[in-house]
Amino acid sequence: MFLVELYGNSLLTVVYGLVVAGTVLLLGAIIGDWVDKNPRLKVTQTSLMVQNSAVLLCGVLLMVVFHFKATLEGMYDGWLLTACYIMVITIASIANLASNATSIIQRDWVVVVAGDDRSKLADMNTTVGIIDQLTAVLAPMLVGQIMPFGSHFLGCGLISGWNLCSMCLEYFLLWKVYQKTPALAIKAGQNEEDQDLNIQQGLWTMASEERSEVPV
């Protein structure tokens, strides 16, 4: 929506879709391999930070373009504005790759947290699916209401602010889940030394949290 508003036709949107799909096609296997080979907490923290930071940066860049579009068009024969478009598409592709990593992690964590209880696993998958579907429907409706009554500049600002707040909340919730589920420290494909180290780190962290909660 923002690119169409800025560029004036759908050509840039087609380029955006092509670049995003192409990066997933070229780098999707590498992202999956990285998720499999690294500890769950490290992968989760990294993908979460990259995804939300990329969306935040993209929103800020779009705000600058919306506000200074006339000025940017007159600088360097319009090449500076074109460079901004390229940066927006590139950052959006990075955010999409991080989002794919997050989706892989989401499915992996649900299975581990549920354990051997298949009924619990089914309930958790259903709940996660409902949340995904609701957000997929409600988010465009909310943004669509912001545009007519506000502006595209305001819409970019709200999306950037939301990603900053949600990143902090997601980080905290994922950390609490990791603390309460020791099995997340053990991952298939890791050697025994890495697994023991991850478990010890998890136990040390939980012990530190418990000590900090004891009243003086």
C-alpha atoms as a PDB file:
ATOM      1  CA  MET A   1       0.000   0.000   0.000  1.00  0.00           C
ATOM      2  CA  PHE A   2       2.755   2.431   0.919  1.00  0.00           C
ATOM      3  CA  LEU A   3       4.776   1.672  -2.218  1.00  0.00           C
ATOM      4  CA  VAL A   4       1.753   2.085  -4.475  1.00  0.00           C
ATOM      5  CA  GLU A   5       0.951   5.405  -2.796  1.00  0.00           C
ATOM      6  CA  LEU A   6       4.519   6.606  -3.291  1.00  0.00           C
ATOM      7  CA  TYR A   7       5.218   5.262  -6.769  1.00  0.00           C
ATOM      8  CA  GLY A   8       1.807   5.860  -8.307  1.00  0.00           C
ATOM      9  CA  ASN A   9       1.339   2.464  -9.976  1.00  0.00           C
ATOM     10  CA  SER A  10       1.693  -1.255  -9.293  1.00  0.00           C
ATOM     11  CA  LEU A  11       5.095  -1.795 -10.958  1.00  0.00           C
ATOM     12  CA  LEU A  12       7.063  -1.297  -7.767  1.00  0.00           C
ATOM     13  CA  THR A  13       4.697  -3.633  -5.915  1.00  0.00           C
ATOM     14  CA  VAL A  14       5.437  -6.361  -8.474  1.00  0.00           C
ATOM     15  CA  VAL A  15       9.169  -5.803  -7.993  1.00  0.00           C
ATOM     16  CA  TYR A  16       8.689  -5.957  -4.229  1.00  0.00           C
ATOM     17  CA  GLY A  17       6.807  -9.277  -4.454  1.00  0.00           C
ATOM     18  CA  LEU A  18       9.419 -10.705  -6.809  1.00  0.00           C
ATOM     19  CA  VAL A  19      12.322  -9.726  -4.565  1.00  0.00           C
ATOM     20  CA  VAL A  20      10.660 -11.044  -1.395  1.00  0.00           C
ATOM     21  CA  ALA A  21       9.734 -14.356  -3.027  1.00  0.00           C
ATOM     22  CA  GLY A  22      13.178 -14.623  -4.620  1.00  0.00           C
ATOM     23  CA  THR A  23      15.039 -14.132  -1.340  1.00  0.00           C
ATOM     24  CA  VAL A  24      12.947 -16.833   0.324  1.00  0.00           C
ATOM     25  CA  LEU A  25      13.636 -19.164  -2.597  1.00  0.00           C
ATOM     26  CA  LEU A  26      17.386 -18.507  -2.524  1.00  0.00           C
ATOM     27  CA  LEU A  27      17.979 -18.201   1.217  1.00  0.00           C
ATOM     28  CA  GLY A  28      15.124 -20.203   2.759  1.00  0.00           C
ATOM     29  CA  ALA A  29      17.179 -23.392   3.011  1.00  0.00           C
ATOM     30  CA  ILE A  30      20.077 -21.505   4.603  1.00  0.00           C
ATOM     31  CA  ILE A  31      17.738 -19.956   7.186  1.00  0.00           C
ATOM     32  CA  GLY A  32      16.257 -23.385   7.985  1.00  0.00           C
ATOM     33  CA  ASP A  33      19.725 -24.889   8.364  1.00  0.00           C
ATOM     34  CA  TRP A  34      20.752 -22.065  10.698  1.00  0.00           C
ATOM     35  CA  VAL A  35      17.642 -22.621  12.828  1.00  0.00           C
ATOM     36  CA  ASP A  36      18.376 -26.343  13.087  1.00  0.00           C
ATOM     37  CA  LYS A  37      22.033 -25.987  14.047  1.00  0.00           C
ATOM     38  CA  ASN A  38      21.788 -23.308  16.731  1.00  0.00           C
ATOM     39  CA  PRO A  39      20.278 -23.270  20.251  1.00  0.00           C
ATOM     40  CA  ARG A  40      16.591 -22.390  20.369  1.00  0.00           C
ATOM     41  CA  LEU A  41      16.996 -19.323  22.570  1.00  0.00           C
ATOM     42  CA  LYS A  42      19.720 -17.807  20.404  1.00  0.00           C
ATOM     43  CA  VAL A  43      17.694 -18.379  17.224  1.00  0.00           C
ATOM     44  CA  THR A  44      14.547 -16.961  18.793  1.00  0.00           C
ATOM     45  CA  GLN A  45      16.246 -13.846  20.115  1.00  0.00           C
ATOM     46  CA  THR A  46      18.086 -13.169  16.871  1.00  0.00           C
ATOM     47  CA  SER A  47      15.105 -13.680  14.551  1.00  0.00           C
ATOM     48  CA  LEU A  48      12.833 -11.630  16.807  1.00  0.00           C
ATOM     49  CA  MET A  49      15.267  -8.716  16.971  1.00  0.00           C
ATOM     50  CA  VAL A  50      15.999  -8.793  13.235  1.00  0.00           C
ATOM     51  CA  GLN A  51      12.352  -9.026  12.181  1.00  0.00           C
ATOM     52  CA  ASN A  52      11.025  -6.251  14.404  1.00  0.00           C
ATOM     53  CA  SER A  53      14.047  -4.002  13.919  1.00  0.00           C
ATOM     54  CA  ALA A  54      13.753  -4.359  10.142  1.00  0.00           C
ATOM     55  CA  VAL A  55      10.054  -3.462  10.166  1.00  0.00           C
ATOM     56  CA  LEU A  56      10.784  -0.543  12.500  1.00  0.00           C
ATOM     57  CA  LEU A  57      13.576   0.735  10.249  1.00  0.00           C
ATOM     58  CA  CYS A  58      11.434   0.265   7.152  1.00  0.00           C
ATOM     59  CA  GLY A  59       8.599   2.257   8.734  1.00  0.00           C
ATOM     60  CA  VAL A  60      10.920   5.112   9.713  1.00  0.00           C
ATOM     61  CA  LEU A  61      12.398   5.199   6.210  1.00  0.00           C
ATOM     62  CA  LEU A  62       8.928   5.343   4.666  1.00  0.00           C
ATOM     63  CA  MET A  63       8.006   8.196   7.013  1.00  0.00           C
ATOM     64  CA  VAL A  64      11.041  10.124   5.774  1.00  0.00           C
ATOM     65  CA  VAL A  65      10.122   9.438   2.151  1.00  0.00           C
ATOM     66  CA  PHE A  66       6.501  10.517   2.651  1.00  0.00           C
ATOM     67  CA  HIS A  67       7.542  13.714   4.414  1.00  0.00           C
ATOM     68  CA  PHE A  68      10.384  14.719   2.063  1.00  0.00           C
ATOM     69  CA  LYS A  69       9.234  13.123  -1.201  1.00  0.00           C
ATOM     70  CA  ALA A  70       9.187  16.401  -3.171  1.00  0.00           C
ATOM     71  CA  THR A  71      12.694  17.251  -1.984  1.00  0.00           C
ATOM     72  CA  LEU A  72      14.045  13.784  -2.684  1.00  0.00           C
ATOM     73  CA  GLU A  73      12.641  13.808  -6.218  1.00  0.00           C
ATOM     74  CA  GLY A  74      14.702  16.899  -7.029  1.00  0.00           C
ATOM     75  CA  MET A  75      17.979  15.575  -5.650  1.00  0.00           C
ATOM     76  CA  TYR A  76      20.441  13.762  -7.940  1.00  0.00           C
ATOM     77  CA  ASP A  77      17.803  13.545 -10.697  1.00  0.00           C
ATOM     78  CA  GLY A  78      15.559  11.417  -8.501  1.00  0.00           C
ATOM     79  CA  TRP A  79      18.174   8.744  -7.842  1.00  0.00           C
ATOM     80  CA  LEU A  80      18.107   9.382  -4.104  1.00  0.00           C
ATOM     81  CA  LEU A  81      14.394   8.586  -4.019  1.00  0.00           C
ATOM     82  CA  THR A  82      15.049   5.436  -6.061  1.00  0.00           C
ATOM     83  CA  ALA A  83      17.735   4.437  -3.549  1.00  0.00           C
ATOM     84  CA  CYS A  84      15.184   4.849  -0.763  1.00  0.00           C
ATOM     85  CA  TYR A  85      12.790   2.509  -2.605  1.00  0.00           C
ATOM     86  CA  ILE A  86      15.580  -0.069  -3.002  1.00  0.00           C
ATOM     87  CA  MET A  87      16.402   0.181   0.708  1.00  0.00           C
ATOM     88  CA  VAL A  88      12.730  -0.265   1.659  1.00  0.00           C
ATOM     89  CA  ILE A  89      12.396  -3.402  -0.473  1.00  0.00           C
ATOM     90  CA  THR A  90      15.706  -4.810   0.797  1.00  0.00           C
ATOM     91  CA  ILE A  91      14.819  -4.235   4.453  1.00  0.00           C
ATOM     92  CA  ALA A  92      11.358  -5.711   3.902  1.00  0.00           C
ATOM     93  CA  SER A  93      12.969  -8.837   2.404  1.00  0.00           C
ATOM     94  CA  ILE A  94      15.180  -9.198   5.480  1.00  0.00           C
ATOM     95  CA  ALA A  95      12.131  -8.848   7.720  1.00  0.00           C
ATOM     96  CA  ASN A  96      10.343 -11.537   5.713  1.00  0.00           C
ATOM     97  CA  LEU A  97      13.278 -13.953   6.047  1.00  0.00           C
ATOM     98  CA  ALA A  98      13.343 -13.381   9.801  1.00  0.00           C
ATOM     99  CA  SER A  99       9.583 -13.945   9.868  1.00  0.00           C
ATOM    100  CA  ASN A 100      10.082 -17.328   8.182  1.00  0.00           C
ATOM    101  CA  ALA A 101      12.649 -18.245  10.829  1.00  0.00           C
ATOM    102  CA  THR A 102      10.164 -17.221  13.518  1.00  0.00           C
ATOM    103  CA  SER A 103       7.496 -19.456  11.965  1.00  0.00           C
ATOM    104  CA  ILE A 104       9.858 -22.443  12.080  1.00  0.00           C
ATOM    105  CA  ILE A 105      10.682 -21.688  15.714  1.00  0.00           C
ATOM    106  CA  GLN A 106       7.001 -21.335  16.593  1.00  0.00           C
ATOM    107  CA  ARG A 107       6.173 -24.826  15.362  1.00  0.00           C
ATOM    108  CA  ASP A 108       9.249 -26.272  17.080  1.00  0.00           C
ATOM    109  CA  TRP A 109       8.578 -24.645  20.453  1.00  0.00           C
ATOM    110  CA  VAL A 110       4.927 -25.713  20.517  1.00  0.00           C
ATOM    111  CA  VAL A 111       5.904 -29.369  20.088  1.00  0.00           C
ATOM    112  CA  VAL A 112       8.529 -29.198  22.847  1.00  0.00           C
ATOM    113  CA  VAL A 113       6.312 -27.322  25.308  1.00  0.00           C
ATOM    114  CA  ALA A 114       3.442 -29.776  24.762  1.00  0.00           C
ATOM    115  CA  GLY A 115       5.744 -32.740  25.370  1.00  0.00           C
ATOM    116  CA  ASP A 116       4.244 -36.202  24.952  1.00  0.00           C
ATOM    117  CA  ASP A 117       0.684 -34.989  25.597  1.00  0.00           C
ATOM    118  CA  ARG A 118      -0.915 -35.136  22.145  1.00  0.00           C
ATOM    119  CA  SER A 119      -4.146 -33.599  23.394  1.00  0.00           C
ATOM    120  CA  LYS A 120      -2.216 -30.606  24.726  1.00  0.00           C
ATOM    121  CA  LEU A 121      -0.312 -30.347  21.457  1.00  0.00           C
ATOM    122  CA  ALA A 122      -3.548 -30.318  19.468  1.00  0.00           C
ATOM    123  CA  ASP A 123      -5.023 -27.640  21.732  1.00  0.00           C
ATOM    124  CA  MET A 124      -1.913 -25.479  21.474  1.00  0.00           C
ATOM    125  CA  ASN A 125      -1.772 -25.799  17.693  1.00  0.00           C
ATOM    126  CA  THR A 126      -5.438 -24.851  17.482  1.00  0.00           C
ATOM    127  CA  THR A 127      -4.921 -21.833  19.725  1.00  0.00           C
ATOM    128  CA  VAL A 128      -1.883 -20.653  17.775  1.00  0.00           C
ATOM    129  CA  GLY A 129      -3.772 -21.114  14.515  1.00  0.00           C
ATOM    130  CA  ILE A 130      -6.716 -19.065  15.799  1.00  0.00           C
ATOM    131  CA  ILE A 131      -4.383 -16.263  16.907  1.00  0.00           C
ATOM    132  CA  ASP A 132      -2.643 -16.260  13.519  1.00  0.00           C
ATOM    133  CA  GLN A 133      -5.937 -16.113  11.616  1.00  0.00           C
ATOM    134  CA  LEU A 134      -7.393 -13.384  13.832  1.00  0.00           C
ATOM    135  CA  THR A 135      -4.326 -11.176  13.517  1.00  0.00           C
ATOM    136  CA  ALA A 136      -4.220 -11.766   9.746  1.00  0.00           C
ATOM    137  CA  VAL A 137      -7.810 -10.487   9.506  1.00  0.00           C
ATOM    138  CA  LEU A 138      -7.813  -7.745  12.144  1.00  0.00           C
ATOM    139  CA  ALA A 139      -4.433  -6.151  11.394  1.00  0.00           C
ATOM    140  CA  PRO A 140      -5.305  -5.027   7.813  1.00  0.00           C
ATOM    141  CA  MET A 141      -8.689  -3.780   9.036  1.00  0.00           C
ATOM    142  CA  LEU A 142      -7.031  -1.686  11.735  1.00  0.00           C
ATOM    143  CA  VAL A 143      -4.422  -0.254   9.378  1.00  0.00           C
ATOM    144  CA  GLY A 144      -7.124   0.386   6.795  1.00  0.00           C
ATOM    145  CA  GLN A 145      -9.016   2.507   9.335  1.00  0.00           C
ATOM    146  CA  ILE A 146      -5.910   4.510  10.205  1.00  0.00           C
ATOM    147  CA  MET A 147      -5.214   5.549   6.605  1.00  0.00           C
ATOM    148  CA  PRO A 148      -8.503   7.360   5.794  1.00  0.00           C
ATOM    149  CA  PHE A 149      -8.741   9.181   9.127  1.00  0.00           C
ATOM    150  CA  GLY A 150      -5.031   9.858   9.563  1.00  0.00           C
ATOM    151  CA  SER A 151      -2.307   9.771   6.940  1.00  0.00           C
ATOM    152  CA  HIS A 152       0.250   7.415   5.468  1.00  0.00           C
ATOM    153  CA  PHE A 153       2.889   9.172   7.559  1.00  0.00           C
ATOM    154  CA  LEU A 154       0.884   8.448  10.704  1.00  0.00           C
ATOM    155  CA  GLY A 155       0.287   4.861   9.597  1.00  0.00           C
ATOM    156  CA  CYS A 156       4.017   4.242   9.192  1.00  0.00           C
ATOM    157  CA  GLY A 157       4.648   5.779  12.606  1.00  0.00           C
ATOM    158  CA  LEU A 158       2.046   3.607  14.311  1.00  0.00           C
ATOM    159  CA  ILE A 159       3.376   0.432  12.685  1.00  0.00           C
ATOM    160  CA  SER A 160       6.938   1.310  13.722  1.00  0.00           C
ATOM    161  CA  GLY A 161       5.857   2.070  17.290  1.00  0.00           C
ATOM    162  CA  TRP A 162       3.829  -1.129  17.514  1.00  0.00           C
ATOM    163  CA  ASN A 163       6.797  -3.240  16.388  1.00  0.00           C
ATOM    164  CA  LEU A 164       9.026  -1.625  18.999  1.00  0.00           C
ATOM    165  CA  CYS A 165       6.526  -2.354  21.792  1.00  0.00           C
ATOM    166  CA  SER A 166       5.690  -5.859  20.584  1.00  0.00           C
ATOM    167  CA  MET A 167       9.387  -6.748  20.276  1.00  0.00           C
ATOM    168  CA  CYS A 168       9.929  -6.014  23.979  1.00  0.00           C
ATOM    169  CA  LEU A 169       6.785  -7.937  24.983  1.00  0.00           C
ATOM    170  CA  GLU A 170       7.584 -10.942  22.763  1.00  0.00           C
ATOM    171  CA  TYR A 171      11.156 -11.050  24.037  1.00  0.00           C
ATOM    172  CA  PHE A 172       9.956 -11.151  27.654  1.00  0.00           C
ATOM    173  CA  LEU A 173       7.282 -13.813  27.022  1.00  0.00           C
ATOM    174  CA  LEU A 174       9.622 -16.078  25.048  1.00  0.00           C
ATOM    175  CA  TRP A 175      12.237 -15.786  27.803  1.00  0.00           C
ATOM    176  CA  LYS A 176       9.686 -16.809  30.442  1.00  0.00           C
ATOM    177  CA  VAL A 177       8.565 -19.793  28.352  1.00  0.00           C
ATOM    178  CA  TYR A 178      12.191 -20.857  27.916  1.00  0.00           C
ATOM    179  CA  GLN A 179      12.779 -20.628  31.660  1.00  0.00           C
ATOM    180  CA  LYS A 180       9.702 -22.689  32.500  1.00  0.00           C
ATOM    181  CA  THR A 181      10.434 -25.400  29.908  1.00  0.00           C
ATOM    182  CA  PRO A 182      13.883 -26.967  30.510  1.00  0.00           C
ATOM    183  CA  ALA A 183      13.377 -29.289  27.525  1.00  0.00           C
ATOM    184  CA  LEU A 184      13.835 -26.304  25.209  1.00  0.00           C
ATOM    185  CA  ALA A 185      17.529 -26.256  26.139  1.00  0.00           C
ATOM    186  CA  ILE A 186      17.943 -29.720  24.553  1.00  0.00           C
ATOM    187  CA  LYS A 187      17.874 -29.815  20.772  1.00  0.00           C
ATOM    188  CA  ALA A 188      18.244 -32.653  18.312  1.00  0.00           C
ATOM    189  CA  GLY A 189      21.493 -32.496  16.369  1.00  0.00           C
ATOM    190  CA  GLN A 190      23.541 -30.980  19.195  1.00  0.00           C
ATOM    191  CA  ASN A 191      26.305 -32.971  20.841  1.00  0.00           C
ATOM    192  CA  GLU A 192      26.106 -33.925  24.507  1.00  0.00           C
ATOM    193  CA  GLU A 193      28.509 -31.169  25.635  1.00  0.00           C
ATOM    194  CA  ASP A 194      26.373 -28.469  23.999  1.00  0.00           C
ATOM    195  CA  GLN A 195      23.227 -29.922  25.512  1.00  0.00           C
ATOM    196  CA  ASP A 196      24.781 -30.065  29.004  1.00  0.00           C
ATOM    197  CA  LEU A 197      25.969 -26.474  28.631  1.00  0.00           C
ATOM    198  CA  ASN A 198      22.514 -25.278  27.556  1.00  0.00           C
ATOM    199  CA  ILE A 199      20.858 -27.082  30.467  1.00  0.00           C
ATOM    200  CA  GLN A 200      23.356 -25.666  32.967  1.00  0.00           C
ATOM    201  CA  GLN A 201      22.807 -22.160  31.593  1.00  0.00           C
ATOM    202  CA  GLY A 202      19.053 -22.592  31.884  1.00  0.00           C
ATOM    203  CA  LEU A 203      19.283 -23.890  35.481  1.00  0.00           C
ATOM    204  CA  TRP A 204      21.679 -21.101  36.458  1.00  0.00           C
ATOM    205  CA  THR A 205      19.343 -18.490  35.005  1.00  0.00           C
ATOM    206  CA  MET A 206      16.306 -19.900  36.784  1.00  0.00           C
ATOM    207  CA  ALA A 207      18.223 -20.043  40.067  1.00  0.00           C
ATOM    208  CA  SER A 208      19.283 -16.426  39.633  1.00  0.00           C
ATOM    209  CA  GLU A 209      15.684 -15.409  38.978  1.00  0.00           C
ATOM    210  CA  GLU A 210      14.513 -17.239  42.100  1.00  0.00           C
ATOM    211  CA  ARG A 211      17.171 -15.546  44.259  1.00  0.00           C
ATOM    212  CA  SER A 212      16.212 -12.138  42.905  1.00  0.00           C
ATOM    213  CA  GLU A 213      12.583 -12.774  43.813  1.00  0.00           C
ATOM    214  CA  VAL A 214      13.361 -13.606  47.496  1.00  0.00           C
ATOM    215  CA  PRO A 215      12.424 -10.585  49.647  1.00  0.00           C
ATOM    216  CA  VAL A 216      15.227  -9.056  51.698  1.00  0.00           C
END
